[in-house]
Amino acid sequence: MKFDTTEWKTFLLNKLYKIKMGNGFDKDKMTMDNPEVNFVSRVSYNNGVDIKIDRVIGTEPFPAGLVTVALGGSYLGSCFIQEEPFYTAQNVAVMEPVTKEITHNINLFITVLVRFECRTKYYAFGRELNIHINRDFSIDLPIKKNMDGTPVIDNTFEYSDDGYVPDWQFIEEYMKSLRSKPLTTKNRVGNTPELDVSGWKEFVLGNLFEIKKGKRLTAEDQEEGNNNYIGAIDSNNGIANHIGQAPIHSGNTITLSYDGSIGEAFYQKDPYWATDAVNALYSKYEGFNKYIGLFILPLLRQEKYRFSYGRKWTIDKMKSTIIRLPIQRNYDGTPIIDANTVYSDEGYIPDWQYMEDYIKSLPYGDRL
C-alpha cells in the first residue's frame, strides 16, 4: 500500500494530543527494593524504558497506552507508546490522544513522524523540545477528502486551525498492511559458541580501519533521490534521508558518529553519503563482510560513554581508540604472530572467521 505525501497537511501536535510534562524523577533517587513500575527516560532503546523501580508513594504511575517523548539530550525526539504503567525521568513529555480514533496503530505511525521531524529538521544541534512540544511542533498527515477530491473541512477546527481532518482510516489500514509473516530461523538457541573474552587482545582502531570523514550537506542542498544519506542519528541504520547526490563512501563499511548521537555505529551495505558528523571505517582486511561488521558494532558502541557531555570523538581520538577482539591461535593455543604487524604492534591477528561464524550462529543469524 503506497501513499503520496504531496497533499498531506500540517497539524500541530497539541491539536492531536494532550501534552504534559512527565514526573521529572531523578533516577538516582529512585528505590528498587520491589521494582514493578517502568521508568521511562531519555533513551532510544527498550521502548524508552530505562529500568523498573518501586512505586512512588503518593504518585500514581501514568497508565499504559500513552506516548512518551524525550525533550532533550542525545536522543531527543525518541518517541514510544508505553505498553505498561510508568513513571518518567526529567525532560520527558507524556502525550494522551485527544480522540479514541487515534488507535495503537495510529500512535505508531505518529511516533515515527515525531522522530523524523526531530532528527532531520528543526530540533537538532542542541535545540530542545521543551518550549516547542506544546506550542509549535507540527507533523504532516494525510487528510480526509470529499468524493470530488476536495478536503473535508471541519467547522469545529478540532484538529487544525484550517479545518483539515486527518484520515485516520487510511493511516490505520496502512499500518495493518505492513504486517508480515513472523521471521523464522533454523538456528537453535544454545548452538552459539561460548563468548570467552579472557583471551581477547587489544587492537588500535586505526590499525584495523582506514577512517575517512563525511562531508557536510545541508537539508536545503539535498536533492531528491534514492542514495542513502547517513546522519548522526541512533536509528534506521543511521539513514536520515535519501538524496540525489552521488555517494561519497563505499558500501561494506562501518559508519561511526563522532558528534550528535556520539558512538552510534552501523554497517553500511550500500554506497552512501555521510554527513560531516559521521566517519566512515574502511576495513584493512580484504575479507571483511557484514557478519564481521555486525560483530564489531557493539564493541564500538561500548566506547561512546567516553565521549559524553560535549566531548567529540574526533578522528584522531577515533584512530587511537582501543577495542578488544578474539585472535587467531595455533593448535596449541598460542597466538599466531604476524611478523609484518599489520593489525597490531604485537603481531596479533583478529580471528575474522570466528567473528563471522559467531554472528551466523546466533538466532536469526541465518536470515541476515
Protein backbone atom coordinates (compact mmCIF):
# COMPACT_ATOMS: atom_id res chain seq x y z
CA MET A 1 0.00 0.00 0.00
CA LYS A 2 1.64 3.24 -1.16
CA PHE A 3 0.88 6.83 -0.38
CA ASP A 4 1.56 10.22 -1.87
CA THR A 5 2.68 12.74 0.74
CA THR A 6 2.47 15.77 -1.55
CA GLU A 7 -1.08 16.57 -0.44
CA TRP A 8 -0.62 15.89 3.26
CA LYS A 9 -1.38 18.80 5.58
CA THR A 10 0.34 20.16 8.65
CA PHE A 11 -1.11 19.52 12.12
CA LEU A 12 0.10 20.91 15.42
CA LEU A 13 0.92 18.08 17.80
CA ASN A 14 -1.03 19.79 20.60
CA LYS A 15 -4.17 19.51 18.47
CA LEU A 16 -3.80 15.75 18.36
CA TYR A 17 -2.61 15.09 21.92
CA LYS A 18 -2.96 16.46 25.41
CA ILE A 19 0.69 17.08 26.20
CA LYS A 20 2.13 17.49 29.66
CA MET A 21 5.46 17.10 31.36
CA GLY A 22 6.21 13.77 32.99
CA ASN A 23 7.15 13.18 36.61
CA GLY A 24 10.68 14.56 36.31
CA PHE A 25 12.01 11.99 38.76
CA ASP A 26 15.75 11.58 39.35
CA LYS A 27 16.76 8.01 38.55
CA ASP A 28 19.50 8.03 41.21
CA LYS A 29 16.93 8.82 43.88
CA MET A 30 14.56 6.00 42.95
CA THR A 31 14.42 2.82 45.03
CA MET A 32 14.38 -0.70 43.64
CA ASP A 33 13.55 -2.90 46.62
CA ASN A 34 10.38 -4.16 44.94
CA PRO A 35 10.66 -2.87 41.36
CA GLU A 36 7.40 -3.18 39.46
CA VAL A 37 6.89 0.08 37.51
CA ASN A 38 8.67 1.01 34.29
CA PHE A 39 10.90 4.08 34.48
CA VAL A 40 10.97 5.93 31.15
CA SER A 41 13.95 8.17 30.50
CA ARG A 42 15.66 9.81 27.51
CA VAL A 43 16.99 6.59 26.00
CA SER A 44 16.45 5.37 22.45
CA TYR A 45 16.15 1.66 23.16
CA ASN A 46 13.84 -0.75 25.01
CA ASN A 47 10.80 1.42 24.24
CA GLY A 48 12.31 4.21 26.32
CA VAL A 49 12.22 2.10 29.48
CA ASP A 50 15.47 2.51 31.40
CA ILE A 51 14.79 0.33 34.46
CA LYS A 52 11.97 -0.80 36.74
CA ILE A 53 11.55 1.00 40.06
CA ASP A 54 9.41 0.82 43.20
CA ARG A 55 6.08 2.58 43.29
CA VAL A 56 6.44 6.17 44.48
CA ILE A 57 4.24 6.84 47.50
CA GLY A 58 1.64 9.48 46.68
CA THR A 59 2.22 9.35 42.92
CA GLU A 60 0.28 7.03 40.66
CA PRO A 61 2.06 5.83 37.52
CA PHE A 62 0.86 7.06 34.16
CA PRO A 63 -1.45 4.47 32.57
CA ALA A 64 -0.41 2.20 29.70
CA GLY A 65 -1.22 3.35 26.20
CA LEU A 66 0.18 6.88 26.44
CA VAL A 67 3.06 8.17 24.33
CA THR A 68 6.36 9.47 25.72
CA VAL A 69 8.78 11.87 24.03
CA ALA A 70 12.36 12.71 25.06
CA LEU A 71 12.60 16.51 25.05
CA GLY A 72 16.38 16.85 25.14
CA GLY A 73 19.70 15.08 25.20
CA SER A 74 21.43 12.99 22.56
CA TYR A 75 18.25 11.02 21.91
CA LEU A 76 15.94 14.00 21.59
CA GLY A 77 12.68 13.01 19.94
CA SER A 78 12.79 9.36 20.99
CA CYS A 79 9.09 8.62 20.95
CA PHE A 80 7.36 5.46 22.18
CA ILE A 81 3.97 4.02 23.12
CA GLN A 82 4.15 2.74 26.67
CA GLU A 83 2.65 -0.73 26.97
CA GLU A 84 2.68 -0.76 30.79
CA PRO A 85 2.10 1.83 33.56
CA PHE A 86 5.16 4.04 34.01
CA TYR A 87 6.95 6.95 35.66
CA THR A 88 9.26 9.29 33.79
CA ALA A 89 12.64 10.90 34.30
CA GLN A 90 13.34 14.58 33.76
CA ASN A 91 12.76 16.16 30.36
CA VAL A 92 10.24 13.59 29.15
CA ALA A 93 6.77 14.61 27.94
CA VAL A 94 3.66 12.43 28.12
CA MET A 95 1.03 12.58 25.37
CA GLU A 96 -2.59 11.40 25.53
CA PRO A 97 -4.61 11.22 22.28
CA VAL A 98 -7.48 13.72 22.15
CA THR A 99 -9.74 11.19 20.43
CA LYS A 100 -10.34 7.44 20.54
CA GLU A 101 -9.86 7.44 16.78
CA ILE A 102 -6.13 7.62 17.45
CA THR A 103 -5.60 3.90 17.91
CA HIS A 104 -2.44 1.99 18.78
CA ASN A 105 -1.57 1.69 15.09
CA ILE A 106 -2.07 5.39 14.51
CA ASN A 107 0.07 6.17 17.54
CA LEU A 108 2.82 4.03 16.00
CA PHE A 109 2.51 5.95 12.74
CA ILE A 110 2.78 9.30 14.51
CA THR A 111 5.73 8.30 16.71
CA VAL A 112 7.77 7.68 13.56
CA LEU A 113 6.86 11.13 12.22
CA VAL A 114 7.81 12.77 15.51
CA ARG A 115 11.23 11.09 15.47
CA PHE A 116 11.76 12.06 11.84
CA GLU A 117 10.81 15.67 12.49
CA CYS A 118 13.19 15.91 15.44
CA ARG A 119 16.14 14.20 13.81
CA THR A 120 16.09 15.70 10.35
CA LYS A 121 14.58 19.14 10.62
CA TYR A 122 14.14 21.66 13.37
CA TYR A 123 15.32 20.24 16.67
CA ALA A 124 18.88 19.12 16.07
CA PHE A 125 22.11 20.73 17.28
CA GLY A 126 21.01 21.43 20.84
CA ARG A 127 17.58 22.94 20.15
CA GLU A 128 15.46 21.20 22.76
CA LEU A 129 11.75 20.48 22.57
CA ASN A 130 10.70 21.82 25.98
CA ILE A 131 9.14 25.06 24.77
CA HIS A 132 8.14 23.77 21.34
CA ILE A 133 6.39 20.46 22.05
CA ASN A 134 3.22 22.14 23.32
CA ARG A 135 3.44 25.26 21.18
CA ASP A 136 4.51 24.95 17.55
CA PHE A 137 5.70 21.39 16.98
CA SER A 138 3.94 20.01 13.91
CA ILE A 139 3.79 16.94 11.68
CA ASP A 140 2.25 16.30 8.28
CA LEU A 141 -0.59 13.78 7.90
CA PRO A 142 -2.90 12.54 5.13
CA ILE A 143 -6.34 14.21 5.26
CA LYS A 144 -9.93 13.20 4.62
CA LYS A 145 -11.33 14.23 1.26
CA ASN A 146 -14.73 14.51 -0.33
CA MET A 147 -15.76 12.41 -3.33
CA ASP A 148 -14.60 15.20 -5.67
CA GLY A 149 -11.12 15.21 -4.11
CA THR A 150 -11.53 18.44 -2.14
CA PRO A 151 -10.54 18.43 1.55
CA VAL A 152 -13.21 17.72 4.16
CA ILE A 153 -13.44 20.84 6.33
CA ASP A 154 -14.42 20.55 9.99
CA ASN A 155 -16.08 23.77 11.13
CA THR A 156 -15.20 22.98 14.76
CA PHE A 157 -11.48 23.11 13.87
CA GLU A 158 -10.86 20.21 16.26
CA TYR A 159 -7.60 19.06 14.71
CA SER A 160 -6.50 22.00 12.60
CA ASP A 161 -6.97 25.75 12.54
CA ASP A 162 -7.67 25.29 8.83
CA GLY A 163 -10.34 22.69 9.48
CA TYR A 164 -8.47 19.74 7.97
CA VAL A 165 -9.22 16.29 9.41
CA PRO A 166 -6.58 13.52 9.49
CA ASP A 167 -7.54 10.45 7.51
CA TRP A 168 -7.47 8.09 10.46
CA GLN A 169 -8.87 5.19 8.46
CA PHE A 170 -6.18 5.46 5.80
CA ILE A 171 -3.44 5.50 8.45
CA GLU A 172 -4.98 2.50 10.21
CA GLU A 173 -5.21 0.49 7.01
CA TYR A 174 -1.70 1.45 6.01
CA MET A 175 -0.25 0.25 9.32
CA LYS A 176 -2.17 -3.03 9.09
CA SER A 177 -0.82 -3.55 5.57
CA LEU A 178 2.74 -3.53 6.94
CA ARG A 179 2.23 -6.71 8.94
CA SER A 180 4.13 -9.68 7.57
CA LYS A 181 4.71 -13.31 8.47
CA PRO A 182 6.79 -13.87 11.63
CA LEU A 183 10.51 -14.14 10.95
CA THR A 184 11.82 -17.67 11.39
CA THR A 185 15.29 -19.09 11.95
CA LYS A 186 16.86 -22.52 11.58
CA ASN A 187 19.46 -21.68 14.22
CA ARG A 188 18.73 -23.27 17.56
CA VAL A 189 19.16 -21.44 20.84
CA GLY A 190 22.21 -22.85 22.60
CA ASN A 191 24.19 -23.58 19.43
CA THR A 192 26.09 -20.30 19.61
CA PRO A 193 29.72 -20.83 20.74
CA GLU A 194 30.65 -19.52 24.15
CA LEU A 195 31.90 -15.95 24.08
CA ASP A 196 35.01 -16.13 26.25
CA VAL A 197 36.69 -12.72 26.14
CA SER A 198 39.51 -13.60 28.53
CA GLY A 199 41.91 -14.35 25.68
CA TRP A 200 40.98 -11.38 23.51
CA LYS A 201 43.69 -8.83 22.71
CA GLU A 202 43.74 -5.07 22.25
CA PHE A 203 43.71 -3.50 18.79
CA VAL A 204 44.01 0.15 17.86
CA LEU A 205 41.12 1.17 15.63
CA GLY A 206 43.45 2.96 13.21
CA ASN A 207 45.30 -0.34 12.60
CA LEU A 208 42.07 -2.15 11.74
CA PHE A 209 40.40 0.53 9.63
CA GLU A 210 41.18 3.43 7.38
CA ILE A 211 38.98 6.16 8.84
CA LYS A 212 37.58 8.78 6.48
CA LYS A 213 35.46 11.82 7.26
CA GLY A 214 31.98 12.54 6.00
CA LYS A 215 31.04 15.77 4.27
CA ARG A 216 28.56 18.46 5.29
CA LEU A 217 25.40 18.66 3.17
CA THR A 218 22.62 20.93 4.42
CA ALA A 219 18.97 19.95 4.18
CA GLU A 220 18.41 22.81 1.73
CA ASP A 221 21.10 21.45 -0.61
CA GLN A 222 19.90 17.84 -0.55
CA GLU A 223 18.34 16.75 -3.83
CA GLU A 224 15.59 14.15 -4.14
CA GLY A 225 16.89 10.70 -4.94
CA ASN A 226 17.48 7.14 -3.75
CA ASN A 227 21.01 7.27 -2.33
CA ASN A 228 21.42 6.75 1.41
CA TYR A 229 22.31 9.82 3.45
CA ILE A 230 23.84 8.83 6.81
CA GLY A 231 23.31 11.26 9.66
CA ALA A 232 24.47 11.33 13.28
CA ILE A 233 21.32 9.56 14.46
CA ASP A 234 20.71 6.44 16.54
CA SER A 235 18.08 4.65 14.45
CA ASN A 236 17.19 3.41 10.95
CA ASN A 237 20.76 2.14 10.45
CA GLY A 238 21.86 5.78 10.52
CA ILE A 239 19.92 6.59 7.34
CA ALA A 240 18.48 10.07 7.86
CA ASN A 241 17.32 10.66 4.30
CA HIS A 242 17.57 9.55 0.68
CA ILE A 243 19.23 12.03 -1.65
CA GLY A 244 20.10 12.55 -5.29
CA GLN A 245 23.75 13.39 -4.73
CA ALA A 246 26.23 10.66 -5.66
CA PRO A 247 27.62 8.59 -2.75
CA ILE A 248 30.97 9.65 -1.36
CA HIS A 249 31.68 6.40 0.53
CA SER A 250 31.68 2.75 -0.48
CA GLY A 251 29.46 0.01 0.89
CA ASN A 252 30.77 -2.81 3.09
CA THR A 253 31.98 -0.20 5.58
CA ILE A 254 31.01 0.98 9.06
CA THR A 255 29.70 4.44 9.90
CA LEU A 256 30.56 5.85 13.31
CA SER A 257 29.22 9.21 14.53
CA TYR A 258 31.55 11.44 16.49
CA ASP A 259 29.03 14.23 17.15
CA GLY A 260 25.26 14.32 17.59
CA SER A 261 24.37 10.78 18.68
CA ILE A 262 28.00 10.07 19.51
CA GLY A 263 29.19 6.48 19.18
CA GLU A 264 26.33 5.17 17.07
CA ALA A 265 27.82 2.59 14.73
CA PHE A 266 26.13 0.90 11.77
CA TYR A 267 27.19 -1.47 9.00
CA GLN A 268 26.51 0.01 5.57
CA LYS A 269 25.89 -2.49 2.79
CA ASP A 270 25.40 0.07 0.03
CA PRO A 271 27.37 3.18 -1.03
CA TYR A 272 26.28 6.34 0.79
CA TRP A 273 26.85 9.98 1.62
CA ALA A 274 27.80 10.57 5.27
CA THR A 275 27.34 13.90 6.98
CA ASP A 276 30.36 15.66 8.46
CA ALA A 277 29.43 14.38 11.95
CA VAL A 278 29.98 10.80 10.81
CA ASN A 279 33.20 8.98 9.95
CA ALA A 280 33.45 6.01 7.59
CA LEU A 281 35.53 3.00 8.63
CA TYR A 282 37.10 1.03 5.75
CA SER A 283 38.45 -2.33 6.91
CA LYS A 284 42.06 -3.16 6.09
CA TYR A 285 41.06 -6.85 5.98
CA GLU A 286 40.14 -7.80 2.41
CA GLY A 287 37.65 -10.44 3.55
CA PHE A 288 35.63 -8.02 5.67
CA ASN A 289 31.88 -8.62 5.40
CA LYS A 290 28.56 -7.86 7.08
CA TYR A 291 28.98 -10.61 9.69
CA ILE A 292 32.33 -9.29 10.88
CA GLY A 293 30.94 -5.77 10.78
CA LEU A 294 27.97 -6.72 12.94
CA PHE A 295 30.31 -8.40 15.43
CA ILE A 296 32.39 -5.23 15.79
CA LEU A 297 29.47 -2.75 16.00
CA PRO A 298 28.62 -3.31 19.71
CA LEU A 299 32.30 -3.09 20.61
CA LEU A 300 32.43 0.36 19.04
CA ARG A 301 29.20 1.46 20.72
CA GLN A 302 30.63 0.48 24.09
CA GLU A 303 33.15 3.29 23.73
CA LYS A 304 30.51 6.03 23.49
CA TYR A 305 30.49 6.65 27.25
CA ARG A 306 34.00 8.09 26.95
CA PHE A 307 32.70 10.91 24.79
CA SER A 308 29.58 12.09 26.57
CA TYR A 309 28.79 15.59 27.79
CA GLY A 310 30.11 17.51 24.81
CA ARG A 311 33.35 15.61 24.18
CA LYS A 312 33.61 14.91 20.48
CA TRP A 313 35.08 11.65 19.23
CA THR A 314 37.47 13.39 16.85
CA ILE A 315 39.10 11.46 14.05
CA ASP A 316 42.45 11.45 15.85
CA LYS A 317 40.87 10.07 19.03
CA MET A 318 38.95 7.55 16.95
CA LYS A 319 42.13 6.31 15.26
CA SER A 320 43.76 5.76 18.66
CA THR A 321 40.71 4.12 20.25
CA ILE A 322 41.37 0.59 21.51
CA ILE A 323 38.93 -2.31 21.22
CA ARG A 324 39.44 -5.95 22.20
CA LEU A 325 38.93 -8.77 19.69
CA PRO A 326 39.40 -12.56 19.55
CA ILE A 327 42.69 -13.53 17.93
CA GLN A 328 43.93 -16.31 15.67
CA ARG A 329 45.76 -19.06 17.55
CA ASN A 330 47.87 -22.12 16.82
CA TYR A 331 46.65 -25.63 17.63
CA ASP A 332 48.42 -25.48 20.98
CA GLY A 333 46.52 -22.29 21.88
CA THR A 334 49.43 -19.89 21.47
CA PRO A 335 48.78 -16.70 19.47
CA ILE A 336 49.67 -16.66 15.79
CA ILE A 337 52.12 -13.80 15.32
CA ASP A 338 52.27 -11.72 12.14
CA ALA A 339 55.83 -10.57 11.55
CA ASN A 340 54.52 -7.66 9.49
CA THR A 341 52.43 -6.41 12.43
CA VAL A 342 49.60 -5.33 10.11
CA TYR A 343 46.85 -5.14 12.71
CA SER A 344 48.79 -4.98 15.96
CA ASP A 345 52.22 -3.81 17.08
CA GLU A 346 52.47 -7.12 18.95
CA GLY A 347 51.66 -9.06 15.77
CA TYR A 348 48.26 -10.35 16.88
CA ILE A 349 45.75 -11.12 14.12
CA PRO A 350 41.99 -10.78 14.67
CA ASP A 351 40.14 -14.06 14.30
CA TRP A 352 37.92 -12.92 11.46
CA GLN A 353 36.47 -16.39 10.86
CA TYR A 354 35.41 -16.74 14.49
CA MET A 355 33.60 -13.39 14.35
CA GLU A 356 31.78 -14.38 11.18
CA ASP A 357 30.82 -17.82 12.49
CA TYR A 358 29.63 -16.36 15.79
CA ILE A 359 27.20 -13.94 14.14
CA LYS A 360 25.96 -16.64 11.73
CA SER A 361 25.26 -18.97 14.69
CA LEU A 362 23.04 -16.50 16.55
CA PRO A 363 19.24 -16.92 16.39
CA TYR A 364 18.19 -15.30 13.10
CA GLY A 365 21.84 -15.03 12.06
CA ASP A 366 20.93 -17.23 9.11
CA ARG A 367 18.46 -14.59 7.94
CA LEU A 368 20.90 -11.71 7.58
